[in-house]
Amino acid sequence: MIHALLLFIAVLAVSSAAIFAFLASAPGVVAAFWRLAISIPFIFLIYRPRKIQLSRMPIFAGFALALHFSFWIESLFHASIAVSTTIVCTHSLFSGLFAYLWGEKPRPNQILGVVVAMIGVYFLSGADARSDVYGIVLALAGAVAGGYYFASARFARDVDFPSYILLTYSSAAIFSFLACLIVSKPIVGYPFNTWIFLILLALIPMLIGHTLLNYVLRHMEVLPVTASVIGEAVGAAILAAIFLNQTLQPDAYLYMFVILFGIAITFVKSFSSK
């Protein structure tokens, strides 16, 4: 049950990402870079690795993570937080697909739970008409990249955890920095408030949320974990309504319940053998 608790904490932490990223008001690639770069020194302080186990898989995961963050954060400025986050949370489908291709076969209850949760995501994403097509496409691209990133954490268990985290985050920061250069986005020169929210983005949803998710994925199958992260859509929508006045239609809260119910289904047998 410890993994369920850690997963719950992780989902709570990542639910704050959309609010912090939106309030930072920095371009997607810039926010992605600083979200990663600020968290890396803390990872070194926590683990103090004497030797880093090199591997190619964390590098690929880092590239996917950089795309995931850059696309999704940029989409927040072209779609409401509820719509953007619910669409990017379809990474559960893509992570399940990658996991299947790599040999992990989902159980019937896991497939059913993801389907139910995604139905809720679909209807919740339509609860706000302010979003444009560009934002939806960006969020979907972030979902595909996120699916590869999350699945990688499960199938790179031959790399010790500190090495995996450091290599993944560091390579993602490098790719994000290169993206800033390619699209000519400055990484400095932003207002004081932007730096406050970038730091919060790095410490809470990144350092706590994503690190815990990567850890839990070493002990649980991909679908229950990524289906749980769909709960981020609910948390982000509620926070957006409270702090940004991005309110939803009343029926949206019914769809949130459907999402949570789907997540619960994926856990029916997840801990039965533990």
C-alpha atoms as a PDB file:
ATOM      1  CA  MET A   1       0.000   0.000   0.000  1.00  0.00           C
ATOM      2  CA  ILE A   2       3.007   2.317   0.352  1.00  0.00           C
ATOM      3  CA  HIS A   3       3.144   2.601  -3.414  1.00  0.00           C
ATOM      4  CA  ALA A   4      -0.501   3.648  -3.528  1.00  0.00           C
ATOM      5  CA  LEU A   5       0.229   6.385  -0.991  1.00  0.00           C
ATOM      6  CA  LEU A   6       3.257   7.592  -2.952  1.00  0.00           C
ATOM      7  CA  LEU A   7       1.182   7.582  -6.117  1.00  0.00           C
ATOM      8  CA  PHE A   8      -1.525   9.639  -4.432  1.00  0.00           C
ATOM      9  CA  ILE A   9       1.052  12.211  -3.302  1.00  0.00           C
ATOM     10  CA  ALA A  10       2.550  12.285  -6.791  1.00  0.00           C
ATOM     11  CA  VAL A  11      -0.805  12.974  -8.448  1.00  0.00           C
ATOM     12  CA  LEU A  12      -1.535  15.757  -5.969  1.00  0.00           C
ATOM     13  CA  ALA A  13       1.856  17.300  -6.727  1.00  0.00           C
ATOM     14  CA  VAL A  14       1.572  17.164 -10.521  1.00  0.00           C
ATOM     15  CA  SER A  15      -1.943  18.610 -10.346  1.00  0.00           C
ATOM     16  CA  SER A  16      -0.358  21.962  -9.487  1.00  0.00           C
ATOM     17  CA  ALA A  17       1.814  22.023 -12.626  1.00  0.00           C
ATOM     18  CA  ALA A  18      -0.735  23.671 -14.925  1.00  0.00           C
ATOM     19  CA  ILE A  19      -1.400  26.516 -12.475  1.00  0.00           C
ATOM     20  CA  PHE A  20       2.297  27.263 -11.912  1.00  0.00           C
ATOM     21  CA  ALA A  21       3.129  27.011 -15.630  1.00  0.00           C
ATOM     22  CA  PHE A  22       0.246  29.275 -16.598  1.00  0.00           C
ATOM     23  CA  LEU A  23       1.087  31.887 -13.969  1.00  0.00           C
ATOM     24  CA  ALA A  24       4.762  31.828 -14.959  1.00  0.00           C
ATOM     25  CA  SER A  25       3.693  33.051 -18.422  1.00  0.00           C
ATOM     26  CA  ALA A  26       6.953  31.870 -20.003  1.00  0.00           C
ATOM     27  CA  PRO A  27       7.119  30.163 -23.417  1.00  0.00           C
ATOM     28  CA  GLY A  28       6.654  26.398 -23.249  1.00  0.00           C
ATOM     29  CA  VAL A  29      10.274  25.499 -24.050  1.00  0.00           C
ATOM     30  CA  VAL A  30      11.582  28.028 -21.532  1.00  0.00           C
ATOM     31  CA  ALA A  31       9.316  26.796 -18.739  1.00  0.00           C
ATOM     32  CA  ALA A  32      10.250  23.213 -19.608  1.00  0.00           C
ATOM     33  CA  PHE A  33      13.974  24.044 -19.390  1.00  0.00           C
ATOM     34  CA  TRP A  34      13.792  25.799 -16.028  1.00  0.00           C
ATOM     35  CA  ARG A  35      11.381  23.253 -14.574  1.00  0.00           C
ATOM     36  CA  LEU A  36      14.054  20.639 -15.207  1.00  0.00           C
ATOM     37  CA  ALA A  37      17.201  22.675 -14.616  1.00  0.00           C
ATOM     38  CA  ILE A  38      16.116  23.938 -11.188  1.00  0.00           C
ATOM     39  CA  SER A  39      15.142  20.445 -10.013  1.00  0.00           C
ATOM     40  CA  ILE A  40      18.429  18.757 -10.983  1.00  0.00           C
ATOM     41  CA  PRO A  41      20.635  20.220  -8.183  1.00  0.00           C
ATOM     42  CA  PHE A  42      18.098  19.048  -5.632  1.00  0.00           C
ATOM     43  CA  ILE A  43      18.247  15.536  -7.107  1.00  0.00           C
ATOM     44  CA  PHE A  44      22.031  15.589  -6.616  1.00  0.00           C
ATOM     45  CA  LEU A  45      21.610  16.755  -3.022  1.00  0.00           C
ATOM     46  CA  ILE A  46      19.063  14.042  -2.247  1.00  0.00           C
ATOM     47  CA  TYR A  47      20.905  11.081  -3.785  1.00  0.00           C
ATOM     48  CA  ARG A  48      24.545  12.244  -3.811  1.00  0.00           C
ATOM     49  CA  PRO A  49      25.532   9.638  -6.405  1.00  0.00           C
ATOM     50  CA  ARG A  50      29.159   8.529  -6.458  1.00  0.00           C
ATOM     51  CA  LYS A  51      28.807   7.003  -9.893  1.00  0.00           C
ATOM     52  CA  ILE A  52      26.139   7.418 -12.552  1.00  0.00           C
ATOM     53  CA  GLN A  53      25.185   4.298 -14.495  1.00  0.00           C
ATOM     54  CA  LEU A  54      25.123   5.335 -18.144  1.00  0.00           C
ATOM     55  CA  SER A  55      22.410   4.047 -20.454  1.00  0.00           C
ATOM     56  CA  ARG A  56      20.713   5.126 -23.675  1.00  0.00           C
ATOM     57  CA  MET A  57      17.134   4.611 -22.510  1.00  0.00           C
ATOM     58  CA  PRO A  58      17.081   7.540 -20.040  1.00  0.00           C
ATOM     59  CA  ILE A  59      18.429   9.766 -22.834  1.00  0.00           C
ATOM     60  CA  PHE A  60      15.505   8.802 -25.070  1.00  0.00           C
ATOM     61  CA  ALA A  61      13.132   9.250 -22.120  1.00  0.00           C
ATOM     62  CA  GLY A  62      14.644  12.695 -21.536  1.00  0.00           C
ATOM     63  CA  PHE A  63      14.011  13.681 -25.144  1.00  0.00           C
ATOM     64  CA  ALA A  64      10.381  12.567 -24.802  1.00  0.00           C
ATOM     65  CA  LEU A  65      10.065  14.423 -21.501  1.00  0.00           C
ATOM     66  CA  ALA A  66      11.361  17.644 -23.066  1.00  0.00           C
ATOM     67  CA  LEU A  67       8.773  17.351 -25.835  1.00  0.00           C
ATOM     68  CA  HIS A  68       6.042  16.465 -23.337  1.00  0.00           C
ATOM     69  CA  PHE A  69       6.666  19.548 -21.208  1.00  0.00           C
ATOM     70  CA  SER A  70       7.310  21.965 -24.079  1.00  0.00           C
ATOM     71  CA  PHE A  71       4.209  21.040 -26.071  1.00  0.00           C
ATOM     72  CA  TRP A  72       1.881  20.833 -23.098  1.00  0.00           C
ATOM     73  CA  ILE A  73       2.964  24.023 -21.332  1.00  0.00           C
ATOM     74  CA  GLU A  74       2.640  25.971 -24.584  1.00  0.00           C
ATOM     75  CA  SER A  75      -0.853  24.530 -25.063  1.00  0.00           C
ATOM     76  CA  LEU A  76      -1.962  26.151 -21.783  1.00  0.00           C
ATOM     77  CA  PHE A  77      -1.938  29.522 -23.543  1.00  0.00           C
ATOM     78  CA  HIS A  78      -4.171  28.282 -26.359  1.00  0.00           C
ATOM     79  CA  ALA A  79      -6.661  26.213 -24.368  1.00  0.00           C
ATOM     80  CA  SER A  80      -8.199  26.330 -20.925  1.00  0.00           C
ATOM     81  CA  ILE A  81      -6.296  24.489 -18.225  1.00  0.00           C
ATOM     82  CA  ALA A  82      -9.084  21.914 -17.916  1.00  0.00           C
ATOM     83  CA  VAL A  83      -9.056  21.126 -21.643  1.00  0.00           C
ATOM     84  CA  SER A  84      -5.280  21.178 -22.046  1.00  0.00           C
ATOM     85  CA  THR A  85      -4.627  18.980 -19.024  1.00  0.00           C
ATOM     86  CA  THR A  86      -7.353  16.468 -19.809  1.00  0.00           C
ATOM     87  CA  ILE A  87      -6.023  16.033 -23.341  1.00  0.00           C
ATOM     88  CA  VAL A  88      -2.395  15.666 -22.270  1.00  0.00           C
ATOM     89  CA  CYS A  89      -3.528  13.063 -19.730  1.00  0.00           C
ATOM     90  CA  THR A  90      -4.436  10.795 -22.631  1.00  0.00           C
ATOM     91  CA  HIS A  91      -0.779   9.821 -22.303  1.00  0.00           C
ATOM     92  CA  SER A  92      -2.227   6.876 -20.382  1.00  0.00           C
ATOM     93  CA  LEU A  93      -3.374   5.351 -23.673  1.00  0.00           C
ATOM     94  CA  PHE A  94      -0.015   5.922 -25.325  1.00  0.00           C
ATOM     95  CA  SER A  95       1.974   4.668 -22.345  1.00  0.00           C
ATOM     96  CA  GLY A  96      -0.186   1.547 -22.354  1.00  0.00           C
ATOM     97  CA  LEU A  97       0.544   1.101 -26.054  1.00  0.00           C
ATOM     98  CA  PHE A  98       4.297   1.475 -25.570  1.00  0.00           C
ATOM     99  CA  ALA A  99       4.186  -0.883 -22.588  1.00  0.00           C
ATOM    100  CA  TYR A 100       2.314  -3.441 -24.681  1.00  0.00           C
ATOM    101  CA  LEU A 101       4.896  -3.169 -27.467  1.00  0.00           C
ATOM    102  CA  TRP A 102       7.614  -3.740 -24.874  1.00  0.00           C
ATOM    103  CA  GLY A 103       5.917  -6.859 -23.517  1.00  0.00           C
ATOM    104  CA  GLU A 104       3.643  -5.815 -20.648  1.00  0.00           C
ATOM    105  CA  LYS A 105       0.122  -7.102 -21.281  1.00  0.00           C
ATOM    106  CA  PRO A 106      -2.621  -5.195 -19.450  1.00  0.00           C
ATOM    107  CA  ARG A 107      -5.329  -7.005 -17.481  1.00  0.00           C
ATOM    108  CA  PRO A 108      -8.999  -6.610 -18.494  1.00  0.00           C
ATOM    109  CA  ASN A 109      -9.816  -4.405 -15.490  1.00  0.00           C
ATOM    110  CA  GLN A 110      -6.925  -2.087 -16.377  1.00  0.00           C
ATOM    111  CA  ILE A 111      -8.122  -1.707 -19.955  1.00  0.00           C
ATOM    112  CA  LEU A 112     -11.689  -1.100 -18.773  1.00  0.00           C
ATOM    113  CA  GLY A 113     -10.562   1.437 -16.193  1.00  0.00           C
ATOM    114  CA  VAL A 114      -8.537   3.421 -18.737  1.00  0.00           C
ATOM    115  CA  VAL A 115     -11.441   3.376 -21.197  1.00  0.00           C
ATOM    116  CA  VAL A 116     -13.875   4.656 -18.547  1.00  0.00           C
ATOM    117  CA  ALA A 117     -11.426   7.330 -17.409  1.00  0.00           C
ATOM    118  CA  MET A 118     -10.751   8.434 -20.990  1.00  0.00           C
ATOM    119  CA  ILE A 119     -14.497   8.723 -21.636  1.00  0.00           C
ATOM    120  CA  GLY A 120     -14.611  11.089 -18.679  1.00  0.00           C
ATOM    121  CA  VAL A 121     -11.596  12.974 -20.058  1.00  0.00           C
ATOM    122  CA  TYR A 122     -13.285  13.294 -23.453  1.00  0.00           C
ATOM    123  CA  PHE A 123     -16.439  14.849 -22.031  1.00  0.00           C
ATOM    124  CA  LEU A 124     -14.539  17.004 -19.542  1.00  0.00           C
ATOM    125  CA  SER A 125     -12.369  18.411 -22.335  1.00  0.00           C
ATOM    126  CA  GLY A 126     -15.544  19.572 -24.075  1.00  0.00           C
ATOM    127  CA  ALA A 127     -16.802  21.438 -21.027  1.00  0.00           C
ATOM    128  CA  ASP A 128     -15.134  24.655 -22.181  1.00  0.00           C
ATOM    129  CA  ALA A 129     -15.509  26.200 -25.643  1.00  0.00           C
ATOM    130  CA  ARG A 130     -12.656  28.711 -25.337  1.00  0.00           C
ATOM    131  CA  SER A 131      -9.922  26.389 -26.601  1.00  0.00           C
ATOM    132  CA  ASP A 132      -8.530  26.598 -30.137  1.00  0.00           C
ATOM    133  CA  VAL A 133      -7.351  23.780 -32.378  1.00  0.00           C
ATOM    134  CA  TYR A 134      -3.672  24.717 -32.029  1.00  0.00           C
ATOM    135  CA  GLY A 135      -3.808  24.254 -28.273  1.00  0.00           C
ATOM    136  CA  ILE A 136      -5.531  20.896 -28.618  1.00  0.00           C
ATOM    137  CA  VAL A 137      -2.909  19.665 -31.119  1.00  0.00           C
ATOM    138  CA  LEU A 138      -0.077  20.786 -28.841  1.00  0.00           C
ATOM    139  CA  ALA A 139      -1.627  19.003 -25.858  1.00  0.00           C
ATOM    140  CA  LEU A 140      -2.112  15.823 -27.898  1.00  0.00           C
ATOM    141  CA  ALA A 141       1.520  15.922 -29.066  1.00  0.00           C
ATOM    142  CA  GLY A 142       2.514  16.280 -25.422  1.00  0.00           C
ATOM    143  CA  ALA A 143       0.397  13.231 -24.605  1.00  0.00           C
ATOM    144  CA  VAL A 144       2.198  11.033 -27.158  1.00  0.00           C
ATOM    145  CA  ALA A 145       5.621  12.124 -25.872  1.00  0.00           C
ATOM    146  CA  GLY A 146       4.467  11.664 -22.285  1.00  0.00           C
ATOM    147  CA  GLY A 147       3.329   8.138 -23.039  1.00  0.00           C
ATOM    148  CA  TYR A 148       6.826   7.153 -24.160  1.00  0.00           C
ATOM    149  CA  TYR A 149       8.412   8.902 -21.175  1.00  0.00           C
ATOM    150  CA  PHE A 150       6.236   7.168 -18.581  1.00  0.00           C
ATOM    151  CA  ALA A 151       6.573   3.744 -20.180  1.00  0.00           C
ATOM    152  CA  SER A 152      10.352   4.152 -20.269  1.00  0.00           C
ATOM    153  CA  ALA A 153      10.504   4.472 -16.483  1.00  0.00           C
ATOM    154  CA  ARG A 154       8.961   1.011 -16.182  1.00  0.00           C
ATOM    155  CA  PHE A 155      11.263  -0.673 -18.681  1.00  0.00           C
ATOM    156  CA  ALA A 156      14.562   0.897 -17.655  1.00  0.00           C
ATOM    157  CA  ARG A 157      14.764  -0.890 -14.319  1.00  0.00           C
ATOM    158  CA  ASP A 158      18.196  -2.253 -15.165  1.00  0.00           C
ATOM    159  CA  VAL A 159      19.431   1.301 -14.531  1.00  0.00           C
ATOM    160  CA  ASP A 160      19.574   2.240 -10.847  1.00  0.00           C
ATOM    161  CA  PHE A 161      16.981   4.816  -9.871  1.00  0.00           C
ATOM    162  CA  PRO A 162      19.264   7.811  -9.079  1.00  0.00           C
ATOM    163  CA  SER A 163      21.097   7.326 -12.374  1.00  0.00           C
ATOM    164  CA  TYR A 164      17.838   7.039 -14.290  1.00  0.00           C
ATOM    165  CA  ILE A 165      16.381  10.204 -12.762  1.00  0.00           C
ATOM    166  CA  LEU A 166      19.539  12.257 -13.200  1.00  0.00           C
ATOM    167  CA  LEU A 167      20.120  11.133 -16.785  1.00  0.00           C
ATOM    168  CA  THR A 168      16.477  11.597 -17.772  1.00  0.00           C
ATOM    169  CA  TYR A 169      16.077  15.034 -16.203  1.00  0.00           C
ATOM    170  CA  SER A 170      19.503  16.245 -17.348  1.00  0.00           C
ATOM    171  CA  SER A 171      19.056  15.129 -20.930  1.00  0.00           C
ATOM    172  CA  ALA A 172      15.554  16.638 -20.968  1.00  0.00           C
ATOM    173  CA  ALA A 173      16.998  19.937 -19.734  1.00  0.00           C
ATOM    174  CA  ILE A 174      19.640  19.873 -22.478  1.00  0.00           C
ATOM    175  CA  PHE A 175      17.080  19.125 -25.191  1.00  0.00           C
ATOM    176  CA  SER A 176      14.822  21.878 -23.850  1.00  0.00           C
ATOM    177  CA  PHE A 177      17.732  24.319 -23.871  1.00  0.00           C
ATOM    178  CA  LEU A 178      18.532  23.422 -27.477  1.00  0.00           C
ATOM    179  CA  ALA A 179      14.866  23.943 -28.341  1.00  0.00           C
ATOM    180  CA  CYS A 180      15.046  27.431 -26.805  1.00  0.00           C
ATOM    181  CA  LEU A 181      17.982  28.204 -29.085  1.00  0.00           C
ATOM    182  CA  ILE A 182      16.252  26.769 -32.155  1.00  0.00           C
ATOM    183  CA  VAL A 183      13.055  28.784 -31.675  1.00  0.00           C
ATOM    184  CA  SER A 184      14.957  31.850 -30.405  1.00  0.00           C
ATOM    185  CA  LYS A 185      13.327  32.043 -26.976  1.00  0.00           C
ATOM    186  CA  PRO A 186      15.477  33.708 -24.268  1.00  0.00           C
ATOM    187  CA  ILE A 187      15.920  31.760 -21.048  1.00  0.00           C
ATOM    188  CA  VAL A 188      16.482  34.870 -18.890  1.00  0.00           C
ATOM    189  CA  GLY A 189      15.082  38.370 -18.600  1.00  0.00           C
ATOM    190  CA  TYR A 190      11.660  37.458 -17.196  1.00  0.00           C
ATOM    191  CA  PRO A 191       9.792  39.251 -14.376  1.00  0.00           C
ATOM    192  CA  PHE A 192      10.319  38.316 -10.721  1.00  0.00           C
ATOM    193  CA  ASN A 193       6.898  36.635 -10.502  1.00  0.00           C
ATOM    194  CA  THR A 194       7.825  34.347 -13.400  1.00  0.00           C
ATOM    195  CA  TRP A 195      10.848  33.048 -11.494  1.00  0.00           C
ATOM    196  CA  ILE A 196       8.750  32.379  -8.390  1.00  0.00           C
ATOM    197  CA  PHE A 197       6.343  30.193 -10.338  1.00  0.00           C
ATOM    198  CA  LEU A 198       9.147  28.493 -12.288  1.00  0.00           C
ATOM    199  CA  ILE A 199      10.773  27.521  -8.977  1.00  0.00           C
ATOM    200  CA  LEU A 200       7.465  26.205  -7.657  1.00  0.00           C
ATOM    201  CA  LEU A 201       7.005  24.312 -10.932  1.00  0.00           C
ATOM    202  CA  ALA A 202      10.391  22.680 -10.445  1.00  0.00           C
ATOM    203  CA  LEU A 203      10.041  21.822  -6.765  1.00  0.00           C
ATOM    204  CA  ILE A 204       6.479  20.553  -6.437  1.00  0.00           C
ATOM    205  CA  PRO A 205       5.201  18.886  -9.638  1.00  0.00           C
ATOM    206  CA  MET A 206       8.716  18.082 -10.923  1.00  0.00           C
ATOM    207  CA  LEU A 207      10.944  17.187  -7.980  1.00  0.00           C
ATOM    208  CA  ILE A 208       8.162  15.620  -5.927  1.00  0.00           C
ATOM    209  CA  GLY A 209       5.517  14.608  -8.457  1.00  0.00           C
ATOM    210  CA  HIS A 210       7.490  13.232 -11.383  1.00  0.00           C
ATOM    211  CA  THR A 211      10.238  11.717  -9.253  1.00  0.00           C
ATOM    212  CA  LEU A 212       7.670   9.784  -7.224  1.00  0.00           C
ATOM    213  CA  LEU A 213       5.895   8.667 -10.412  1.00  0.00           C
ATOM    214  CA  ASN A 214       9.158   7.353 -11.834  1.00  0.00           C
ATOM    215  CA  TYR A 215       9.831   5.520  -8.577  1.00  0.00           C
ATOM    216  CA  VAL A 216       6.364   3.953  -8.394  1.00  0.00           C
ATOM    217  CA  LEU A 217       6.642   2.789 -12.010  1.00  0.00           C
ATOM    218  CA  ARG A 218       9.493   0.535 -10.898  1.00  0.00           C
ATOM    219  CA  HIS A 219       7.096  -1.317  -8.619  1.00  0.00           C
ATOM    220  CA  MET A 220       3.750  -1.155 -10.433  1.00  0.00           C
ATOM    221  CA  GLU A 221       2.583  -1.818 -13.958  1.00  0.00           C
ATOM    222  CA  VAL A 222       2.323   1.105 -16.356  1.00  0.00           C
ATOM    223  CA  LEU A 223      -1.449   1.350 -16.811  1.00  0.00           C
ATOM    224  CA  PRO A 224      -2.513   1.668 -13.146  1.00  0.00           C
ATOM    225  CA  VAL A 225       0.082   4.395 -12.619  1.00  0.00           C
ATOM    226  CA  THR A 226      -0.628   6.404 -15.754  1.00  0.00           C
ATOM    227  CA  ALA A 227      -4.379   5.965 -15.310  1.00  0.00           C
ATOM    228  CA  SER A 228      -3.968   7.496 -11.852  1.00  0.00           C
ATOM    229  CA  VAL A 229      -2.156  10.466 -13.371  1.00  0.00           C
ATOM    230  CA  ILE A 230      -5.382  11.147 -15.277  1.00  0.00           C
ATOM    231  CA  GLY A 231      -6.532  12.406 -11.888  1.00  0.00           C
ATOM    232  CA  GLU A 232      -4.267  15.388 -12.596  1.00  0.00           C
ATOM    233  CA  ALA A 233      -6.971  16.596 -14.979  1.00  0.00           C
ATOM    234  CA  VAL A 234      -9.448  16.747 -12.114  1.00  0.00           C
ATOM    235  CA  GLY A 235      -7.045  18.459  -9.731  1.00  0.00           C
ATOM    236  CA  ALA A 236      -5.919  20.993 -12.333  1.00  0.00           C
ATOM    237  CA  ALA A 237      -9.495  21.837 -13.312  1.00  0.00           C
ATOM    238  CA  ILE A 238     -10.468  22.444  -9.692  1.00  0.00           C
ATOM    239  CA  LEU A 239      -7.383  24.584  -9.012  1.00  0.00           C
ATOM    240  CA  ALA A 240      -7.988  26.592 -12.207  1.00  0.00           C
ATOM    241  CA  ALA A 241     -11.540  27.291 -11.105  1.00  0.00           C
ATOM    242  CA  ILE A 242     -10.410  28.402  -7.638  1.00  0.00           C
ATOM    243  CA  PHE A 243      -7.323  30.478  -8.461  1.00  0.00           C
ATOM    244  CA  LEU A 244      -7.851  31.572 -12.077  1.00  0.00           C
ATOM    245  CA  ASN A 245     -11.638  31.703 -12.253  1.00  0.00           C
ATOM    246  CA  GLN A 246     -11.585  29.269 -15.184  1.00  0.00           C
ATOM    247  CA  THR A 247     -14.920  27.808 -14.200  1.00  0.00           C
ATOM    248  CA  LEU A 248     -16.558  24.842 -15.859  1.00  0.00           C
ATOM    249  CA  GLN A 249     -20.122  23.843 -16.548  1.00  0.00           C
ATOM    250  CA  PRO A 250     -21.806  21.985 -13.651  1.00  0.00           C
ATOM    251  CA  ASP A 251     -21.841  18.718 -15.613  1.00  0.00           C
ATOM    252  CA  ALA A 252     -18.037  18.840 -15.700  1.00  0.00           C
ATOM    253  CA  TYR A 253     -17.962  17.673 -12.102  1.00  0.00           C
ATOM    254  CA  LEU A 254     -19.901  14.566 -13.102  1.00  0.00           C
ATOM    255  CA  TYR A 255     -17.212  13.845 -15.688  1.00  0.00           C
ATOM    256  CA  MET A 256     -14.570  14.268 -12.990  1.00  0.00           C
ATOM    257  CA  PHE A 257     -16.316  11.558 -10.986  1.00  0.00           C
ATOM    258  CA  VAL A 258     -16.287   9.282 -14.055  1.00  0.00           C
ATOM    259  CA  ILE A 259     -12.521   9.840 -14.383  1.00  0.00           C
ATOM    260  CA  LEU A 260     -11.896   8.952 -10.743  1.00  0.00           C
ATOM    261  CA  PHE A 261     -14.151   5.906 -11.037  1.00  0.00           C
ATOM    262  CA  GLY A 262     -12.160   4.687 -14.033  1.00  0.00           C
ATOM    263  CA  ILE A 263      -8.927   5.113 -12.108  1.00  0.00           C
ATOM    264  CA  ALA A 264     -10.375   3.058  -9.239  1.00  0.00           C
ATOM    265  CA  ILE A 265     -11.225   0.228 -11.644  1.00  0.00           C
ATOM    266  CA  THR A 266      -7.589  -0.075 -12.738  1.00  0.00           C
ATOM    267  CA  PHE A 267      -6.621  -0.787  -9.125  1.00  0.00           C
ATOM    268  CA  VAL A 268      -9.064  -3.654  -8.503  1.00  0.00           C
ATOM    269  CA  LYS A 269      -6.321  -6.278  -8.678  1.00  0.00           C
ATOM    270  CA  SER A 270      -3.210  -4.099  -8.629  1.00  0.00           C
ATOM    271  CA  PHE A 271      -2.410  -4.795  -4.966  1.00  0.00           C
ATOM    272  CA  SER A 272      -4.122  -8.163  -4.528  1.00  0.00           C
ATOM    273  CA  SER A 273      -0.874 -10.101  -4.870  1.00  0.00           C
ATOM    274  CA  LYS A 274       1.218  -7.785  -2.707  1.00  0.00           C
END
